[in-house]
Each structure stands twice: as structure tokens, then as C-alpha cells.
Amino acid sequence: DCFRQANLIQKHDVTYVQLGKVYALQEDFPNAIEVFDEALEFSPENPEILTTMGLLHLRQGQHNEAFVHLGNSLTLDPKNPKTILATGSIIQDRGDHDAALIKYRIAAVHNTN
């Protein structure tokens, strides 16, 4: 509730992200998606928000929506390993194992851990 109040006073990416993470931790994915949708209206070119939206849709089994958000995130931040891995997972699920393997290799190159 405090995060929503904070956004009523002054909207900020971090507040949306934290509120969305609270919902996601509670496995309340519909509300998490709703919060991140609001965040995208406020900050449509934030790759972290786009990636998180993609991951939330992926957890809901909504692969097409996930792929769109992840693709938009990669346009803005093409070296994000988390986004690349999630995209590779969707590609693999679609049966294109060679393209998925390429994504996984790219993610391994860009992963600093």
C-alpha cells in the first residue's frame, strides 16, 4: 500500500519495480503484471521493466506476450543475460534448438558471474 501511495505522490520506476516484486513474491502474477503495465506507461523504454514483464508473462504461460516484451528489452539492452536466456527458452520451446543454443552462448559471453 505504501508503494502505491508513493506513486500517487510522485511516480518513479523504482517504486513500480518494488511493488511489482512484492506481488511476484506473493505469486500474485496478475497484480504484478498490472503494476508493471502501469510502469511501462510511465517509462516505456526501461529494459528492466520490459524484461520483468516478459518473465512474468512467461511464468503465466503467455509465451507470445513474453516474447514481445523480451524482444523490446533486447532492443534497448542487447547484452542483458537474463533477457537473452529467457528469449532462448521461448525459442527452444518453439522447437528451434539451434537458435536457442545461439542465444544461450551469447548469454554466457555476457554473463559476468
Protein backbone atom coordinates (compact mmCIF):
# COMPACT_ATOMS: atom_id res chain seq x y z
CA ASP A 1 0.00 0.00 0.00
CA CYS A 2 2.90 2.37 0.78
CA PHE A 3 4.34 1.88 -2.70
CA ARG A 4 1.01 2.82 -4.28
CA GLN A 5 0.84 5.91 -2.06
CA ALA A 6 4.39 6.84 -3.04
CA ASN A 7 3.46 6.62 -6.73
CA LEU A 8 0.42 8.81 -6.14
CA ILE A 9 2.74 11.47 -4.73
CA GLN A 10 5.48 11.05 -7.37
CA LYS A 11 5.74 8.24 -9.89
CA HIS A 12 9.12 6.55 -10.11
CA ASP A 13 10.44 3.42 -11.84
CA VAL A 14 11.94 2.02 -8.65
CA THR A 15 8.64 2.26 -6.79
CA TYR A 16 6.81 0.37 -9.54
CA VAL A 17 9.53 -2.28 -9.64
CA GLN A 18 9.44 -2.81 -5.88
CA LEU A 19 5.64 -3.02 -5.79
CA GLY A 20 5.65 -5.44 -8.71
CA LYS A 21 8.28 -7.58 -6.99
CA VAL A 22 6.14 -7.74 -3.83
CA TYR A 23 3.22 -9.09 -5.87
CA ALA A 24 5.51 -11.51 -7.72
CA LEU A 25 6.96 -12.83 -4.44
CA GLN A 26 3.39 -13.41 -3.28
CA GLU A 27 2.82 -15.22 -6.60
CA ASP A 28 0.08 -12.73 -7.40
CA PHE A 29 1.12 -12.53 -11.04
CA PRO A 30 -1.98 -10.75 -12.38
CA ASN A 31 -1.43 -7.82 -9.99
CA ALA A 32 2.32 -7.86 -10.67
CA ILE A 33 1.62 -7.63 -14.41
CA GLU A 34 -0.85 -4.81 -13.80
CA VAL A 35 1.76 -2.84 -11.85
CA PHE A 36 4.42 -3.37 -14.50
CA ASP A 37 1.90 -2.34 -17.18
CA GLU A 38 1.49 0.94 -15.29
CA ALA A 39 5.26 1.21 -15.05
CA LEU A 40 5.57 0.81 -18.82
CA GLU A 41 3.07 3.61 -19.36
CA PHE A 42 5.28 5.81 -17.20
CA SER A 43 8.63 4.54 -18.53
CA PRO A 44 8.12 2.61 -21.80
CA GLU A 45 11.83 2.29 -22.61
CA ASN A 46 13.02 0.80 -19.33
CA PRO A 47 14.68 -2.54 -20.19
CA GLU A 48 14.44 -3.85 -16.61
CA ILE A 49 10.68 -3.34 -16.58
CA LEU A 50 10.32 -4.87 -20.04
CA THR A 51 12.36 -7.92 -19.03
CA THR A 52 10.39 -8.35 -15.83
CA MET A 53 7.11 -8.13 -17.77
CA GLY A 54 8.42 -10.77 -20.14
CA LEU A 55 9.38 -13.06 -17.28
CA LEU A 56 6.00 -12.59 -15.57
CA HIS A 57 4.15 -13.45 -18.79
CA LEU A 58 6.45 -16.44 -19.23
CA ARG A 59 5.56 -17.68 -15.72
CA GLN A 60 1.88 -17.35 -16.69
CA GLY A 61 2.48 -19.44 -19.83
CA GLN A 62 1.82 -16.45 -22.08
CA HIS A 63 4.79 -17.01 -24.39
CA ASN A 64 3.77 -14.62 -27.16
CA GLU A 65 3.35 -11.68 -24.77
CA ALA A 66 6.59 -12.64 -23.03
CA PHE A 67 8.48 -12.75 -26.32
CA VAL A 68 7.25 -9.28 -27.31
CA HIS A 69 8.38 -7.70 -24.03
CA LEU A 70 11.71 -9.54 -24.03
CA GLY A 71 12.34 -8.53 -27.65
CA ASN A 72 11.63 -4.89 -26.83
CA SER A 73 14.00 -5.12 -23.88
CA LEU A 74 16.74 -6.62 -26.06
CA THR A 75 16.35 -3.74 -28.49
CA LEU A 76 17.25 -1.37 -25.65
CA ASP A 77 19.77 -3.59 -23.83
CA PRO A 78 21.03 -6.31 -26.19
CA LYS A 79 23.61 -7.70 -23.73
CA ASN A 80 21.33 -8.46 -20.75
CA PRO A 81 21.98 -12.17 -19.97
CA LYS A 82 18.67 -12.68 -18.13
CA THR A 83 16.71 -11.35 -21.10
CA ILE A 84 18.75 -13.37 -23.59
CA LEU A 85 18.27 -16.58 -21.57
CA ALA A 86 14.51 -16.06 -21.30
CA THR A 87 14.29 -15.39 -25.02
CA GLY A 88 16.33 -18.52 -25.71
CA SER A 89 13.95 -20.53 -23.53
CA ILE A 90 10.95 -19.40 -25.56
CA ILE A 91 12.76 -20.12 -28.82
CA GLN A 92 13.67 -23.58 -27.53
CA ASP A 93 10.04 -24.23 -26.53
CA ARG A 94 9.07 -23.35 -30.09
CA GLY A 95 11.39 -26.10 -31.33
CA ASP A 96 14.20 -24.00 -32.81
CA HIS A 97 17.01 -25.58 -30.83
CA ASP A 98 19.82 -24.16 -32.96
CA ALA A 99 18.64 -20.56 -32.49
CA ALA A 100 18.12 -21.20 -28.76
CA LEU A 101 21.65 -22.56 -28.45
CA ILE A 102 22.99 -19.40 -30.08
CA LYS A 103 21.07 -17.29 -27.54
CA TYR A 104 22.47 -19.37 -24.67
CA ARG A 105 26.01 -18.92 -25.97
CA ILE A 106 25.50 -15.16 -26.28
CA ALA A 107 24.15 -15.04 -22.72
CA ALA A 108 27.18 -16.97 -21.47
CA VAL A 109 29.52 -14.45 -23.09
CA HIS A 110 27.71 -11.51 -21.49
CA ASN A 111 27.20 -13.12 -18.07
CA THR A 112 29.74 -11.66 -15.65
CA ASN A 113 29.11 -14.32 -12.96
